[in-house]
Amino acid sequence: MLGQGCGKTVLARGPCAEVTRCTCGHLHLAMGPVTIRVEEDVLRAIGLTLAEALQRLGAPGASPEGVLASGGWEQ
């Protein structure tokens, strides 16, 4: 029906990105003007990949296990 959209819940928000979940079940990863709709397992894989990149860059506390064990990044 026109004018009715999904209700969104913010799961995480940082200075450069936001992750929301729609009531229809979709997850949205928004970074600036770009929003990517992904499934939960894809979002988890993206998180692992980013955590690995940060670890290799030498960012403190950026192990893949530490980031995902806490449920994600918190700002």
Protein backbone atom coordinates (compact mmCIF):
# COMPACT_ATOMS: atom_id res chain seq x y z
CA MET A 1 0.00 0.00 0.00
CA LEU A 2 1.34 3.45 -0.89
CA GLY A 3 2.59 5.55 1.97
CA GLN A 4 3.27 2.60 4.25
CA GLY A 5 6.83 1.39 4.60
CA CYS A 6 8.64 -0.97 6.82
CA GLY A 7 9.43 0.11 10.36
CA LYS A 8 13.17 0.26 10.97
CA THR A 9 15.13 -0.39 14.14
CA VAL A 10 18.67 0.98 14.44
CA LEU A 11 21.06 -1.82 15.42
CA ALA A 12 24.24 0.28 15.32
CA ARG A 13 25.18 3.82 14.40
CA GLY A 14 28.60 5.38 14.05
CA PRO A 15 30.04 8.52 12.49
CA CYS A 16 30.28 6.92 9.02
CA ALA A 17 27.79 4.05 8.95
CA GLU A 18 24.47 2.80 10.28
CA VAL A 19 22.88 -0.66 10.36
CA THR A 20 19.11 -1.00 10.60
CA ARG A 21 16.64 -3.90 10.53
CA CYS A 22 13.25 -3.57 8.83
CA THR A 23 10.15 -5.17 10.26
CA CYS A 24 10.10 -7.27 7.08
CA GLY A 25 13.49 -8.74 8.11
CA HIS A 26 15.91 -6.98 5.78
CA LEU A 27 19.14 -5.50 7.13
CA HIS A 28 20.39 -2.21 5.72
CA LEU A 29 24.03 -1.10 5.86
CA ALA A 30 24.14 2.64 5.13
CA MET A 31 27.42 4.44 4.48
CA GLY A 32 26.96 8.04 3.44
CA PRO A 33 24.72 8.16 0.37
CA VAL A 34 24.94 4.40 -0.25
CA THR A 35 22.68 1.80 1.38
CA ILE A 36 23.20 -1.93 0.89
CA ARG A 37 20.46 -4.41 1.75
CA VAL A 38 21.98 -7.68 2.97
CA GLU A 39 21.06 -10.90 4.74
CA GLU A 40 22.30 -11.46 8.29
CA ASP A 41 25.02 -13.95 7.29
CA VAL A 42 26.34 -11.51 4.69
CA LEU A 43 26.46 -8.69 7.25
CA ARG A 44 28.42 -10.97 9.60
CA ALA A 45 30.87 -11.85 6.81
CA ILE A 46 31.35 -8.15 6.01
CA GLY A 47 32.05 -7.52 9.71
CA LEU A 48 34.70 -10.26 9.78
CA THR A 49 36.34 -8.91 6.64
CA LEU A 50 36.46 -5.36 8.01
CA ALA A 51 37.77 -6.57 11.36
CA GLU A 52 40.54 -8.51 9.62
CA ALA A 53 41.51 -5.45 7.60
CA LEU A 54 41.64 -3.32 10.76
CA GLN A 55 43.75 -5.92 12.50
CA ARG A 56 46.23 -5.94 9.63
CA LEU A 57 46.34 -2.15 9.72
CA GLY A 58 47.33 -2.42 13.37
CA ALA A 59 44.20 -0.86 14.86
CA PRO A 60 44.10 -1.55 18.63
CA GLY A 61 41.43 -4.01 19.76
CA ALA A 62 40.30 -4.84 16.24
CA SER A 63 40.45 -8.62 16.28
CA PRO A 64 37.55 -10.26 14.41
CA GLU A 65 36.62 -12.24 17.51
CA GLY A 66 36.49 -9.17 19.75
CA VAL A 67 34.37 -7.12 17.40
CA LEU A 68 31.73 -9.76 16.73
CA ALA A 69 31.68 -11.26 20.21
CA SER A 70 30.30 -7.98 21.52
CA GLY A 71 27.60 -7.92 18.83
CA GLY A 72 29.33 -5.26 16.71
CA TRP A 73 30.81 -1.85 17.05
CA GLU A 74 29.38 0.61 19.50
CA GLN A 75 30.00 4.31 19.23
